[in-house]
Amino acid sequence: MKRLFYALSLIILFLTPDSVTSQSTDSIISKIAFGSCSHQDKPQPILDLIVQYKPDLFIYLGDNIYGDTRKMDKLQKKYNKLAAKPEFQALKKTCTVLATWDDHDYGENDAGRHYPFKAESKELFLKFWNEPEDSERRKHEGIYHSIIFGPEEKRVQIILLDTRTFRDNLVKTKGKIIFMNDYQPNENKDSTFLGHEQWKWLEEQLKLPAELRIIASSTQFSHEYNGWESWTNVPHEQKRMTDLIKSTNANGVLIISGDVHWGEISKLDVEGQYPLYDVTSSGITQTWDKIAPNKNRIGDAIAENNYGVIEIDWTKPTPEIDLKLFDIENKLRSSVHLSLTDLSF
């Protein structure tokens, strides 16, 4: 009976007439919106604000639903709830929608490579987000993916990382050492965040020609260590990323992230390289009562529901970029203005 329900759910969901608007990869991308942490049982008025903004792209950064289950029929029901929301349907009709996942839509809180149903969860994810049958995403383990939009000299590369499928377990504090929150840094050099194949793939992506590269990571990268899940819990992998950007001479890298249930813009200064800005937008429905300290934060953090924006002005002799965070009242709460040369070697 469960198998029959699962099959019928797929038919109902994936044969619906409305589908993600397809942005031509030749189109010039000037407005990108993004967010994370949207509970399927809650209203999502943030999506109405994004529809009004009319971005060229919207990127889901993970926890797009709160699945948290090892039963795929339950995970499917939660996807169905999101699909039925009028505000979600309006977003799909407005712009191209891209997505990666985090732990709660992957299937289990804080889970990494040991989650036993990652292959089944991947199949639901790809079908829900209307991934084509011939997509490269279906030809490798995990859901990492990359797309380049725009003509020469106005190319925007979107790199969607998979920070779950290959990641080793983090090191819990267990009360032995006083660290903030749940996790202490994992100093085991054999531990990985992205896995060998995804690192190899990422190196090739960073070698491709593009003026602006947006790396979508479900968890934060450029902030100050705080003990929650993030790249700072595997410091040698965080350094591997900065080293890879340097070794590939990849200009134009920005990072966007989610997960933490607040919004903020972080700036990580890297020796021998331009700084790495990380715009964290979280959450579409979720909030957190204690915002962690962050010496790398620019401006204030946003405790309310929020969404992020990257705007590119290609009309300038040197393209200019604005990083912005808006709250649930659609008020601009944090911003950074950059020139493309600020993201260049």
C-alpha atoms as a PDB file:
ATOM      1  CA  MET A   1       0.000   0.000   0.000  1.00  0.00           C
ATOM      2  CA  LYS A   2       2.868   2.366   0.840  1.00  0.00           C
ATOM      3  CA  ARG A   3       4.477   1.662  -2.523  1.00  0.00           C
ATOM      4  CA  LEU A   4       1.190   2.479  -4.275  1.00  0.00           C
ATOM      5  CA  PHE A   5       0.872   5.756  -2.354  1.00  0.00           C
ATOM      6  CA  TYR A   6       4.466   6.664  -3.199  1.00  0.00           C
ATOM      7  CA  ALA A   7       3.905   6.022  -6.906  1.00  0.00           C
ATOM      8  CA  LEU A   8       0.659   8.010  -6.963  1.00  0.00           C
ATOM      9  CA  SER A   9       2.349  10.911  -5.144  1.00  0.00           C
ATOM     10  CA  LEU A  10       5.023  11.074  -7.808  1.00  0.00           C
ATOM     11  CA  ILE A  11       2.414  11.060 -10.583  1.00  0.00           C
ATOM     12  CA  ILE A  12       0.357  13.821  -8.947  1.00  0.00           C
ATOM     13  CA  LEU A  13       3.342  16.011  -8.209  1.00  0.00           C
ATOM     14  CA  PHE A  14       5.422  15.637 -11.326  1.00  0.00           C
ATOM     15  CA  LEU A  15       2.675  15.709 -13.953  1.00  0.00           C
ATOM     16  CA  THR A  16       1.270  19.015 -12.750  1.00  0.00           C
ATOM     17  CA  PRO A  17       1.116  21.636 -15.528  1.00  0.00           C
ATOM     18  CA  ASP A  18       3.084  24.333 -13.726  1.00  0.00           C
ATOM     19  CA  SER A  19       6.829  23.879 -13.844  1.00  0.00           C
ATOM     20  CA  VAL A  20       9.953  25.870 -13.136  1.00  0.00           C
ATOM     21  CA  THR A  21      10.359  28.732 -15.598  1.00  0.00           C
ATOM     22  CA  SER A  22      13.404  28.032 -17.741  1.00  0.00           C
ATOM     23  CA  GLN A  23      15.904  30.872 -18.031  1.00  0.00           C
ATOM     24  CA  SER A  24      17.983  30.605 -21.195  1.00  0.00           C
ATOM     25  CA  THR A  25      21.645  30.117 -20.416  1.00  0.00           C
ATOM     26  CA  ASP A  26      22.306  32.870 -22.986  1.00  0.00           C
ATOM     27  CA  SER A  27      20.316  35.388 -20.928  1.00  0.00           C
ATOM     28  CA  ILE A  28      22.115  38.159 -19.060  1.00  0.00           C
ATOM     29  CA  ILE A  29      21.662  37.626 -15.324  1.00  0.00           C
ATOM     30  CA  SER A  30      21.384  40.862 -13.332  1.00  0.00           C
ATOM     31  CA  LYS A  31      19.187  39.953 -10.325  1.00  0.00           C
ATOM     32  CA  ILE A  32      19.622  36.826  -8.220  1.00  0.00           C
ATOM     33  CA  ALA A  33      17.598  36.123  -5.085  1.00  0.00           C
ATOM     34  CA  PHE A  34      18.156  33.299  -2.621  1.00  0.00           C
ATOM     35  CA  GLY A  35      17.060  31.878   0.714  1.00  0.00           C
ATOM     36  CA  SER A  36      16.829  28.777   2.864  1.00  0.00           C
ATOM     37  CA  CYS A  37      15.039  27.102   5.745  1.00  0.00           C
ATOM     38  CA  SER A  38      11.398  26.956   4.662  1.00  0.00           C
ATOM     39  CA  HIS A  39       9.096  24.730   6.683  1.00  0.00           C
ATOM     40  CA  GLN A  40       6.382  23.204   4.547  1.00  0.00           C
ATOM     41  CA  ASP A  41       3.764  23.523   7.318  1.00  0.00           C
ATOM     42  CA  LYS A  42       4.124  27.303   7.610  1.00  0.00           C
ATOM     43  CA  PRO A  43       2.987  30.206   5.391  1.00  0.00           C
ATOM     44  CA  GLN A  44       5.848  31.634   3.300  1.00  0.00           C
ATOM     45  CA  PRO A  45       5.142  35.338   2.679  1.00  0.00           C
ATOM     46  CA  ILE A  46       8.859  35.904   1.946  1.00  0.00           C
ATOM     47  CA  LEU A  47       8.212  34.182  -1.397  1.00  0.00           C
ATOM     48  CA  ASP A  48       5.591  36.815  -2.224  1.00  0.00           C
ATOM     49  CA  LEU A  49       8.237  39.510  -1.699  1.00  0.00           C
ATOM     50  CA  ILE A  50      10.634  37.671  -3.973  1.00  0.00           C
ATOM     51  CA  VAL A  51       7.957  37.396  -6.671  1.00  0.00           C
ATOM     52  CA  GLN A  52       7.489  41.187  -6.436  1.00  0.00           C
ATOM     53  CA  TYR A  53      11.259  41.652  -6.777  1.00  0.00           C
ATOM     54  CA  LYS A  54      11.200  39.669 -10.059  1.00  0.00           C
ATOM     55  CA  PRO A  55      14.676  38.118 -10.010  1.00  0.00           C
ATOM     56  CA  ASP A  56      16.212  36.346 -12.973  1.00  0.00           C
ATOM     57  CA  LEU A  57      17.083  33.425 -10.693  1.00  0.00           C
ATOM     58  CA  PHE A  58      16.072  32.193  -7.272  1.00  0.00           C
ATOM     59  CA  ILE A  59      18.380  29.753  -5.467  1.00  0.00           C
ATOM     60  CA  TYR A  60      17.200  27.498  -2.641  1.00  0.00           C
ATOM     61  CA  LEU A  61      20.154  26.873  -0.329  1.00  0.00           C
ATOM     62  CA  GLY A  62      18.809  23.906   1.606  1.00  0.00           C
ATOM     63  CA  ASP A  63      16.322  22.942   4.290  1.00  0.00           C
ATOM     64  CA  ASN A  64      13.837  23.664   1.537  1.00  0.00           C
ATOM     65  CA  ILE A  65      11.520  21.343   3.435  1.00  0.00           C
ATOM     66  CA  TYR A  66      11.890  19.818   6.883  1.00  0.00           C
ATOM     67  CA  GLY A  67      11.807  16.128   6.025  1.00  0.00           C
ATOM     68  CA  ASP A  68      13.828  14.522   8.826  1.00  0.00           C
ATOM     69  CA  THR A  69      12.866  10.951   8.121  1.00  0.00           C
ATOM     70  CA  ARG A  70      14.137   7.631   6.816  1.00  0.00           C
ATOM     71  CA  LYS A  71      10.746   6.920   5.244  1.00  0.00           C
ATOM     72  CA  MET A  72      10.551   8.146   1.686  1.00  0.00           C
ATOM     73  CA  ASP A  73       6.753   8.273   1.618  1.00  0.00           C
ATOM     74  CA  LYS A  74       6.853  10.776   4.489  1.00  0.00           C
ATOM     75  CA  LEU A  75       9.533  12.812   2.729  1.00  0.00           C
ATOM     76  CA  GLN A  76       7.373  12.826  -0.399  1.00  0.00           C
ATOM     77  CA  LYS A  77       4.340  14.112   1.526  1.00  0.00           C
ATOM     78  CA  LYS A  78       6.373  17.051   2.766  1.00  0.00           C
ATOM     79  CA  TYR A  79       7.516  17.906  -0.762  1.00  0.00           C
ATOM     80  CA  ASN A  80       3.863  17.732  -1.794  1.00  0.00           C
ATOM     81  CA  LYS A  81       2.975  20.317   0.853  1.00  0.00           C
ATOM     82  CA  LEU A  82       5.557  22.753  -0.490  1.00  0.00           C
ATOM     83  CA  ALA A  83       4.417  22.131  -4.065  1.00  0.00           C
ATOM     84  CA  ALA A  84       0.824  22.979  -3.144  1.00  0.00           C
ATOM     85  CA  LYS A  85       1.598  26.396  -1.668  1.00  0.00           C
ATOM     86  CA  PRO A  86       0.310  29.258  -3.893  1.00  0.00           C
ATOM     87  CA  GLU A  87       3.340  31.413  -3.057  1.00  0.00           C
ATOM     88  CA  PHE A  88       5.694  28.620  -4.169  1.00  0.00           C
ATOM     89  CA  GLN A  89       3.739  28.107  -7.389  1.00  0.00           C
ATOM     90  CA  ALA A  90       3.921  31.860  -8.057  1.00  0.00           C
ATOM     91  CA  LEU A  91       7.699  31.824  -7.543  1.00  0.00           C
ATOM     92  CA  LYS A  92       8.116  29.004 -10.063  1.00  0.00           C
ATOM     93  CA  LYS A  93       6.182  31.012 -12.643  1.00  0.00           C
ATOM     94  CA  THR A  94       8.281  34.126 -12.024  1.00  0.00           C
ATOM     95  CA  CYS A  95      11.854  32.977 -12.565  1.00  0.00           C
ATOM     96  CA  THR A  96      14.251  30.088 -12.907  1.00  0.00           C
ATOM     97  CA  VAL A  97      14.517  28.197  -9.623  1.00  0.00           C
ATOM     98  CA  LEU A  98      17.688  26.297  -8.704  1.00  0.00           C
ATOM     99  CA  ALA A  99      18.303  24.291  -5.542  1.00  0.00           C
ATOM    100  CA  THR A 100      20.735  22.386  -3.420  1.00  0.00           C
ATOM    101  CA  TRP A 101      19.931  20.652  -0.130  1.00  0.00           C
ATOM    102  CA  ASP A 102      20.916  20.719   3.517  1.00  0.00           C
ATOM    103  CA  ASP A 103      20.369  18.190   6.281  1.00  0.00           C
ATOM    104  CA  HIS A 104      16.603  18.480   6.752  1.00  0.00           C
ATOM    105  CA  ASP A 105      15.702  17.900   3.102  1.00  0.00           C
ATOM    106  CA  TYR A 106      18.595  15.460   2.751  1.00  0.00           C
ATOM    107  CA  GLY A 107      16.752  13.415   5.361  1.00  0.00           C
ATOM    108  CA  GLU A 108      18.233  13.700   8.844  1.00  0.00           C
ATOM    109  CA  ASN A 109      19.461  16.417  11.207  1.00  0.00           C
ATOM    110  CA  ASP A 110      23.198  17.135  10.808  1.00  0.00           C
ATOM    111  CA  ALA A 111      23.579  14.019   8.623  1.00  0.00           C
ATOM    112  CA  GLY A 112      26.486  13.400   6.301  1.00  0.00           C
ATOM    113  CA  ARG A 113      27.656  10.477   4.187  1.00  0.00           C
ATOM    114  CA  HIS A 114      26.393   7.811   6.595  1.00  0.00           C
ATOM    115  CA  TYR A 115      22.695   8.630   6.063  1.00  0.00           C
ATOM    116  CA  PRO A 116      21.483   5.296   4.598  1.00  0.00           C
ATOM    117  CA  PHE A 117      18.778   6.631   2.246  1.00  0.00           C
ATOM    118  CA  LYS A 118      20.746   9.296   0.398  1.00  0.00           C
ATOM    119  CA  ALA A 119      20.214   7.651  -3.009  1.00  0.00           C
ATOM    120  CA  GLU A 120      16.441   7.478  -2.503  1.00  0.00           C
ATOM    121  CA  SER A 121      16.362  11.029  -1.146  1.00  0.00           C
ATOM    122  CA  LYS A 122      18.350  12.248  -4.158  1.00  0.00           C
ATOM    123  CA  GLU A 123      15.776  10.771  -6.528  1.00  0.00           C
ATOM    124  CA  LEU A 124      12.937  12.622  -4.792  1.00  0.00           C
ATOM    125  CA  PHE A 125      14.977  15.837  -4.794  1.00  0.00           C
ATOM    126  CA  LEU A 126      15.766  15.693  -8.511  1.00  0.00           C
ATOM    127  CA  LYS A 127      12.196  14.916  -9.486  1.00  0.00           C
ATOM    128  CA  PHE A 128      10.769  17.657  -7.302  1.00  0.00           C
ATOM    129  CA  TRP A 129      13.105  20.258  -8.792  1.00  0.00           C
ATOM    130  CA  ASN A 130      12.331  19.065 -12.341  1.00  0.00           C
ATOM    131  CA  GLU A 131      15.905  18.043 -13.106  1.00  0.00           C
ATOM    132  CA  PRO A 132      16.028  16.823 -16.751  1.00  0.00           C
ATOM    133  CA  GLU A 133      16.563  13.125 -17.358  1.00  0.00           C
ATOM    134  CA  ASP A 134      19.808  13.838 -19.219  1.00  0.00           C
ATOM    135  CA  SER A 135      21.168  16.131 -16.474  1.00  0.00           C
ATOM    136  CA  GLU A 136      24.747  15.590 -15.315  1.00  0.00           C
ATOM    137  CA  ARG A 137      23.311  15.519 -11.811  1.00  0.00           C
ATOM    138  CA  ARG A 138      21.848  12.092 -12.550  1.00  0.00           C
ATOM    139  CA  LYS A 139      25.202  10.692 -13.722  1.00  0.00           C
ATOM    140  CA  HIS A 140      27.152  10.960 -10.464  1.00  0.00           C
ATOM    141  CA  GLU A 141      26.646  10.398  -6.760  1.00  0.00           C
ATOM    142  CA  GLY A 142      25.298  13.419  -4.929  1.00  0.00           C
ATOM    143  CA  ILE A 143      23.519  16.508  -6.295  1.00  0.00           C
ATOM    144  CA  TYR A 144      26.352  18.964  -6.993  1.00  0.00           C
ATOM    145  CA  HIS A 145      25.873  20.911 -10.209  1.00  0.00           C
ATOM    146  CA  SER A 146      27.018  23.989 -12.146  1.00  0.00           C
ATOM    147  CA  ILE A 147      25.416  26.251 -14.759  1.00  0.00           C
ATOM    148  CA  ILE A 148      26.870  29.245 -16.620  1.00  0.00           C
ATOM    149  CA  PHE A 149      24.445  31.983 -17.711  1.00  0.00           C
ATOM    150  CA  GLY A 150      25.095  34.896 -20.028  1.00  0.00           C
ATOM    151  CA  PRO A 151      27.242  35.815 -23.017  1.00  0.00           C
ATOM    152  CA  GLU A 152      31.001  36.341 -22.989  1.00  0.00           C
ATOM    153  CA  GLU A 153      32.115  39.152 -20.633  1.00  0.00           C
ATOM    154  CA  LYS A 154      28.791  38.858 -18.740  1.00  0.00           C
ATOM    155  CA  ARG A 155      28.961  35.248 -17.627  1.00  0.00           C
ATOM    156  CA  VAL A 156      27.582  34.218 -14.230  1.00  0.00           C
ATOM    157  CA  GLN A 157      28.523  30.740 -13.039  1.00  0.00           C
ATOM    158  CA  ILE A 158      26.245  29.165 -10.422  1.00  0.00           C
ATOM    159  CA  ILE A 159      27.991  26.353  -8.518  1.00  0.00           C
ATOM    160  CA  LEU A 160      25.622  24.289  -6.366  1.00  0.00           C
ATOM    161  CA  LEU A 161      27.636  22.319  -3.813  1.00  0.00           C
ATOM    162  CA  ASP A 162      26.498  19.141  -2.061  1.00  0.00           C
ATOM    163  CA  THR A 163      27.669  19.461   1.546  1.00  0.00           C
ATOM    164  CA  ARG A 164      25.896  16.303   2.742  1.00  0.00           C
ATOM    165  CA  THR A 165      26.396  13.237   0.552  1.00  0.00           C
ATOM    166  CA  PHE A 166      30.168  12.941   1.064  1.00  0.00           C
ATOM    167  CA  ARG A 167      30.796  14.758   4.338  1.00  0.00           C
ATOM    168  CA  ASP A 168      32.332  12.852   7.225  1.00  0.00           C
ATOM    169  CA  ASN A 169      30.710  13.102  10.628  1.00  0.00           C
ATOM    170  CA  LEU A 170      31.625  16.185  12.593  1.00  0.00           C
ATOM    171  CA  VAL A 171      33.379  15.889  15.952  1.00  0.00           C
ATOM    172  CA  LYS A 172      30.999  16.416  18.864  1.00  0.00           C
ATOM    173  CA  THR A 173      32.169  18.174  22.002  1.00  0.00           C
ATOM    174  CA  LYS A 174      30.977  15.388  24.348  1.00  0.00           C
ATOM    175  CA  GLY A 175      31.742  17.697  27.245  1.00  0.00           C
ATOM    176  CA  LYS A 176      35.474  16.903  27.104  1.00  0.00           C
ATOM    177  CA  ILE A 177      36.572  20.315  25.839  1.00  0.00           C
ATOM    178  CA  ILE A 178      34.763  23.597  26.201  1.00  0.00           C
ATOM    179  CA  PHE A 179      33.718  24.629  22.705  1.00  0.00           C
ATOM    180  CA  MET A 180      30.745  26.716  21.684  1.00  0.00           C
ATOM    181  CA  ASN A 181      27.626  24.758  20.762  1.00  0.00           C
ATOM    182  CA  ASP A 182      27.680  21.198  19.385  1.00  0.00           C
ATOM    183  CA  TYR A 183      30.940  20.664  17.497  1.00  0.00           C
ATOM    184  CA  GLN A 184      34.659  21.166  17.860  1.00  0.00           C
ATOM    185  CA  PRO A 185      37.049  21.466  14.903  1.00  0.00           C
ATOM    186  CA  ASN A 186      37.860  18.175  13.200  1.00  0.00           C
ATOM    187  CA  GLU A 187      41.645  18.070  12.902  1.00  0.00           C
ATOM    188  CA  ASN A 188      41.739  14.678  11.148  1.00  0.00           C
ATOM    189  CA  LYS A 189      43.332  15.505   7.784  1.00  0.00           C
ATOM    190  CA  ASP A 190      41.592  12.504   6.171  1.00  0.00           C
ATOM    191  CA  SER A 191      38.134  13.889   6.968  1.00  0.00           C
ATOM    192  CA  THR A 192      36.301  15.566   4.115  1.00  0.00           C
ATOM    193  CA  PHE A 193      33.528  18.055   3.495  1.00  0.00           C
ATOM    194  CA  LEU A 194      32.932  17.546  -0.222  1.00  0.00           C
ATOM    195  CA  GLY A 195      34.561  14.191  -1.018  1.00  0.00           C
ATOM    196  CA  HIS A 196      37.265  13.398  -3.577  1.00  0.00           C
ATOM    197  CA  GLU A 197      35.096  13.370  -6.704  1.00  0.00           C
ATOM    198  CA  GLN A 198      33.286  16.612  -5.880  1.00  0.00           C
ATOM    199  CA  TRP A 199      36.583  18.384  -5.126  1.00  0.00           C
ATOM    200  CA  LYS A 200      37.963  17.181  -8.455  1.00  0.00           C
ATOM    201  CA  TRP A 201      34.822  18.392 -10.225  1.00  0.00           C
ATOM    202  CA  LEU A 202      34.946  21.757  -8.440  1.00  0.00           C
ATOM    203  CA  GLU A 203      38.511  22.338  -9.578  1.00  0.00           C
ATOM    204  CA  GLU A 204      37.428  21.867 -13.192  1.00  0.00           C
ATOM    205  CA  GLN A 205      34.476  24.222 -12.712  1.00  0.00           C
ATOM    206  CA  LEU A 206      36.674  26.984 -11.326  1.00  0.00           C
ATOM    207  CA  LYS A 207      38.877  26.751 -14.403  1.00  0.00           C
ATOM    208  CA  LEU A 208      35.962  27.514 -16.729  1.00  0.00           C
ATOM    209  CA  PRO A 209      35.700  31.105 -18.033  1.00  0.00           C
ATOM    210  CA  ALA A 210      33.245  33.281 -16.086  1.00  0.00           C
ATOM    211  CA  GLU A 211      33.169  36.860 -14.841  1.00  0.00           C
ATOM    212  CA  LEU A 212      31.207  36.144 -11.642  1.00  0.00           C
ATOM    213  CA  ARG A 213      31.037  32.826  -9.764  1.00  0.00           C
ATOM    214  CA  ILE A 214      28.420  32.228  -7.081  1.00  0.00           C
ATOM    215  CA  ILE A 215      29.158  29.215  -4.907  1.00  0.00           C
ATOM    216  CA  ALA A 216      25.994  28.020  -3.169  1.00  0.00           C
ATOM    217  CA  SER A 217      26.881  26.224   0.071  1.00  0.00           C
ATOM    218  CA  SER A 218      24.130  25.049   2.385  1.00  0.00           C
ATOM    219  CA  THR A 219      26.265  25.895   5.439  1.00  0.00           C
ATOM    220  CA  GLN A 220      28.302  28.990   6.218  1.00  0.00           C
ATOM    221  CA  PHE A 221      31.869  29.478   5.015  1.00  0.00           C
ATOM    222  CA  SER A 222      33.293  32.923   5.818  1.00  0.00           C
ATOM    223  CA  HIS A 223      31.991  33.510   9.329  1.00  0.00           C
ATOM    224  CA  GLU A 224      33.800  33.189  12.670  1.00  0.00           C
ATOM    225  CA  TYR A 225      33.851  29.663  14.140  1.00  0.00           C
ATOM    226  CA  ASN A 226      30.872  29.183  16.464  1.00  0.00           C
ATOM    227  CA  GLY A 227      30.493  25.430  16.884  1.00  0.00           C
ATOM    228  CA  TRP A 228      27.410  25.040  14.710  1.00  0.00           C
ATOM    229  CA  GLU A 229      27.610  23.064  11.497  1.00  0.00           C
ATOM    230  CA  SER A 230      29.771  24.915   8.969  1.00  0.00           C
ATOM    231  CA  TRP A 231      33.026  24.800   7.036  1.00  0.00           C
ATOM    232  CA  THR A 232      34.823  26.078  10.138  1.00  0.00           C
ATOM    233  CA  ASN A 233      34.313  22.680  11.764  1.00  0.00           C
ATOM    234  CA  VAL A 234      36.587  21.113   9.146  1.00  0.00           C
ATOM    235  CA  PRO A 235      39.262  23.829   8.943  1.00  0.00           C
ATOM    236  CA  HIS A 236      41.580  21.986   6.551  1.00  0.00           C
ATOM    237  CA  GLU A 237      38.704  21.699   4.070  1.00  0.00           C
ATOM    238  CA  GLN A 238      37.926  25.399   4.430  1.00  0.00           C
ATOM    239  CA  LYS A 239      41.581  26.100   3.643  1.00  0.00           C
ATOM    240  CA  ARG A 240      41.428  23.663   0.749  1.00  0.00           C
ATOM    241  CA  MET A 241      38.687  25.828  -0.760  1.00  0.00           C
ATOM    242  CA  THR A 242      40.688  29.047  -0.460  1.00  0.00           C
ATOM    243  CA  ASP A 243      43.785  27.282  -1.812  1.00  0.00           C
ATOM    244  CA  LEU A 244      41.774  25.939  -4.746  1.00  0.00           C
ATOM    245  CA  ILE A 245      40.472  29.382  -5.644  1.00  0.00           C
ATOM    246  CA  LYS A 246      44.062  30.647  -5.617  1.00  0.00           C
ATOM    247  CA  SER A 247      45.548  27.740  -7.563  1.00  0.00           C
ATOM    248  CA  THR A 248      42.893  27.988 -10.290  1.00  0.00           C
ATOM    249  CA  ASN A 249      43.173  31.792 -10.341  1.00  0.00           C
ATOM    250  CA  ALA A 250      39.378  31.909 -10.202  1.00  0.00           C
ATOM    251  CA  ASN A 251      38.225  35.514 -10.159  1.00  0.00           C
ATOM    252  CA  GLY A 252      34.780  36.683  -9.166  1.00  0.00           C
ATOM    253  CA  VAL A 253      33.925  34.198  -6.402  1.00  0.00           C
ATOM    254  CA  LEU A 254      31.067  34.988  -4.024  1.00  0.00           C
ATOM    255  CA  ILE A 255      29.555  32.533  -1.540  1.00  0.00           C
ATOM    256  CA  ILE A 256      25.910  32.295  -0.515  1.00  0.00           C
ATOM    257  CA  SER A 257      24.758  30.123   2.391  1.00  0.00           C
ATOM    258  CA  GLY A 258      21.862  29.297   4.685  1.00  0.00           C
ATOM    259  CA  ASP A 259      21.165  26.931   7.614  1.00  0.00           C
ATOM    260  CA  VAL A 260      21.494  29.137  10.713  1.00  0.00           C
ATOM    261  CA  HIS A 261      18.040  30.798  10.879  1.00  0.00           C
ATOM    262  CA  TRP A 262      19.364  34.340  10.688  1.00  0.00           C
ATOM    263  CA  GLY A 263      20.790  36.564   7.978  1.00  0.00           C
ATOM    264  CA  GLU A 264      24.242  38.190   7.801  1.00  0.00           C
ATOM    265  CA  ILE A 265      27.056  39.123   5.434  1.00  0.00           C
ATOM    266  CA  SER A 266      30.536  37.857   6.343  1.00  0.00           C
ATOM    267  CA  LYS A 267      33.921  38.788   4.895  1.00  0.00           C
ATOM    268  CA  LEU A 268      36.850  36.387   5.171  1.00  0.00           C
ATOM    269  CA  ASP A 269      40.247  37.935   4.497  1.00  0.00           C
ATOM    270  CA  VAL A 270      42.553  35.434   2.787  1.00  0.00           C
ATOM    271  CA  GLU A 271      46.293  35.939   2.439  1.00  0.00           C
ATOM    272  CA  GLY A 272      47.368  36.293  -1.178  1.00  0.00           C
ATOM    273  CA  GLN A 273      43.803  36.495  -2.433  1.00  0.00           C
ATOM    274  CA  TYR A 274      40.819  38.814  -2.609  1.00  0.00           C
ATOM    275  CA  PRO A 275      38.407  38.473   0.359  1.00  0.00           C
ATOM    276  CA  LEU A 276      35.610  35.902   0.249  1.00  0.00           C
ATOM    277  CA  TYR A 277      32.189  37.392   0.942  1.00  0.00           C
ATOM    278  CA  ASP A 278      29.529  35.020   2.238  1.00  0.00           C
ATOM    279  CA  VAL A 279      25.909  36.193   2.188  1.00  0.00           C
ATOM    280  CA  THR A 280      23.863  34.058   4.567  1.00  0.00           C
ATOM    281  CA  SER A 281      20.090  34.141   4.081  1.00  0.00           C
ATOM    282  CA  SER A 282      18.079  32.053   6.539  1.00  0.00           C
ATOM    283  CA  GLY A 283      15.230  31.575   6.946  1.00  0.00           C
ATOM    284  CA  ILE A 284      12.224  31.820   4.782  1.00  0.00           C
ATOM    285  CA  THR A 285      10.091  30.628   7.715  1.00  0.00           C
ATOM    286  CA  GLN A 286      12.572  29.791  10.501  1.00  0.00           C
ATOM    287  CA  THR A 287      14.207  32.055  13.105  1.00  0.00           C
ATOM    288  CA  TRP A 288      16.636  31.551  16.009  1.00  0.00           C
ATOM    289  CA  ASP A 289      16.668  33.370  19.329  1.00  0.00           C
ATOM    290  CA  LYS A 290      20.442  33.496  19.856  1.00  0.00           C
ATOM    291  CA  ILE A 291      22.576  34.882  17.040  1.00  0.00           C
ATOM    292  CA  ALA A 292      26.191  33.760  17.364  1.00  0.00           C
ATOM    293  CA  PRO A 293      29.056  36.272  17.556  1.00  0.00           C
ATOM    294  CA  ASN A 294      30.857  36.788  14.251  1.00  0.00           C
ATOM    295  CA  LYS A 295      33.916  39.044  14.026  1.00  0.00           C
ATOM    296  CA  ASN A 296      33.753  38.666  10.218  1.00  0.00           C
ATOM    297  CA  ARG A 297      30.229  40.095  10.019  1.00  0.00           C
ATOM    298  CA  ILE A 298      29.650  43.305   8.068  1.00  0.00           C
ATOM    299  CA  GLY A 299      26.868  45.391   9.570  1.00  0.00           C
ATOM    300  CA  ASP A 300      24.112  43.810  11.625  1.00  0.00           C
ATOM    301  CA  ALA A 301      22.626  40.342  11.660  1.00  0.00           C
ATOM    302  CA  ILE A 302      18.925  39.894  10.873  1.00  0.00           C
ATOM    303  CA  ALA A 303      16.912  37.874  13.376  1.00  0.00           C
ATOM    304  CA  GLU A 304      13.680  38.073  11.370  1.00  0.00           C
ATOM    305  CA  ASN A 305      12.768  36.035   8.290  1.00  0.00           C
ATOM    306  CA  ASN A 306      14.809  37.278   5.358  1.00  0.00           C
ATOM    307  CA  TYR A 307      15.940  36.776   1.779  1.00  0.00           C
ATOM    308  CA  GLY A 308      19.178  37.617  -0.007  1.00  0.00           C
ATOM    309  CA  VAL A 309      19.880  39.408  -3.273  1.00  0.00           C
ATOM    310  CA  ILE A 310      22.846  39.823  -5.595  1.00  0.00           C
ATOM    311  CA  GLU A 311      22.493  42.589  -8.176  1.00  0.00           C
ATOM    312  CA  ILE A 312      24.978  43.014 -11.028  1.00  0.00           C
ATOM    313  CA  ASP A 313      25.197  46.226 -13.046  1.00  0.00           C
ATOM    314  CA  TRP A 314      26.768  45.171 -16.324  1.00  0.00           C
ATOM    315  CA  THR A 315      26.372  48.667 -17.839  1.00  0.00           C
ATOM    316  CA  LYS A 316      29.324  50.080 -15.878  1.00  0.00           C
ATOM    317  CA  PRO A 317      32.808  50.052 -17.487  1.00  0.00           C
ATOM    318  CA  THR A 318      33.745  47.736 -14.608  1.00  0.00           C
ATOM    319  CA  PRO A 319      30.660  45.784 -13.492  1.00  0.00           C
ATOM    320  CA  GLU A 320      29.374  46.630 -10.018  1.00  0.00           C
ATOM    321  CA  ILE A 321      27.797  44.223  -7.561  1.00  0.00           C
ATOM    322  CA  ASP A 322      25.447  44.803  -4.646  1.00  0.00           C
ATOM    323  CA  LEU A 323      24.946  42.202  -1.927  1.00  0.00           C
ATOM    324  CA  LYS A 324      21.718  42.780  -0.005  1.00  0.00           C
ATOM    325  CA  LEU A 325      19.558  41.241   2.710  1.00  0.00           C
ATOM    326  CA  PHE A 326      15.883  42.144   3.117  1.00  0.00           C
ATOM    327  CA  ASP A 327      13.638  41.308   6.078  1.00  0.00           C
ATOM    328  CA  ILE A 328      10.018  40.161   6.217  1.00  0.00           C
ATOM    329  CA  GLU A 329       8.874  43.819   5.950  1.00  0.00           C
ATOM    330  CA  ASN A 330      10.940  44.080   2.749  1.00  0.00           C
ATOM    331  CA  LYS A 331      13.308  46.531   4.436  1.00  0.00           C
ATOM    332  CA  LEU A 332      16.949  46.555   3.374  1.00  0.00           C
ATOM    333  CA  ARG A 333      18.846  45.512   6.504  1.00  0.00           C
ATOM    334  CA  SER A 334      22.388  44.806   5.328  1.00  0.00           C
ATOM    335  CA  SER A 335      24.322  45.528   2.150  1.00  0.00           C
ATOM    336  CA  VAL A 336      27.779  45.623   0.577  1.00  0.00           C
ATOM    337  CA  HIS A 337      28.703  47.415  -2.664  1.00  0.00           C
ATOM    338  CA  LEU A 338      31.552  45.949  -4.705  1.00  0.00           C
ATOM    339  CA  SER A 339      33.281  46.356  -8.012  1.00  0.00           C
ATOM    340  CA  LEU A 340      34.157  43.211  -9.937  1.00  0.00           C
ATOM    341  CA  THR A 341      37.791  44.208  -9.479  1.00  0.00           C
ATOM    342  CA  ASP A 342      37.293  43.730  -5.716  1.00  0.00           C
ATOM    343  CA  LEU A 343      36.884  40.021  -6.482  1.00  0.00           C
ATOM    344  CA  SER A 344      39.948  39.688  -8.674  1.00  0.00           C
ATOM    345  CA  PHE A 345      43.560  38.614  -8.236  1.00  0.00           C
END
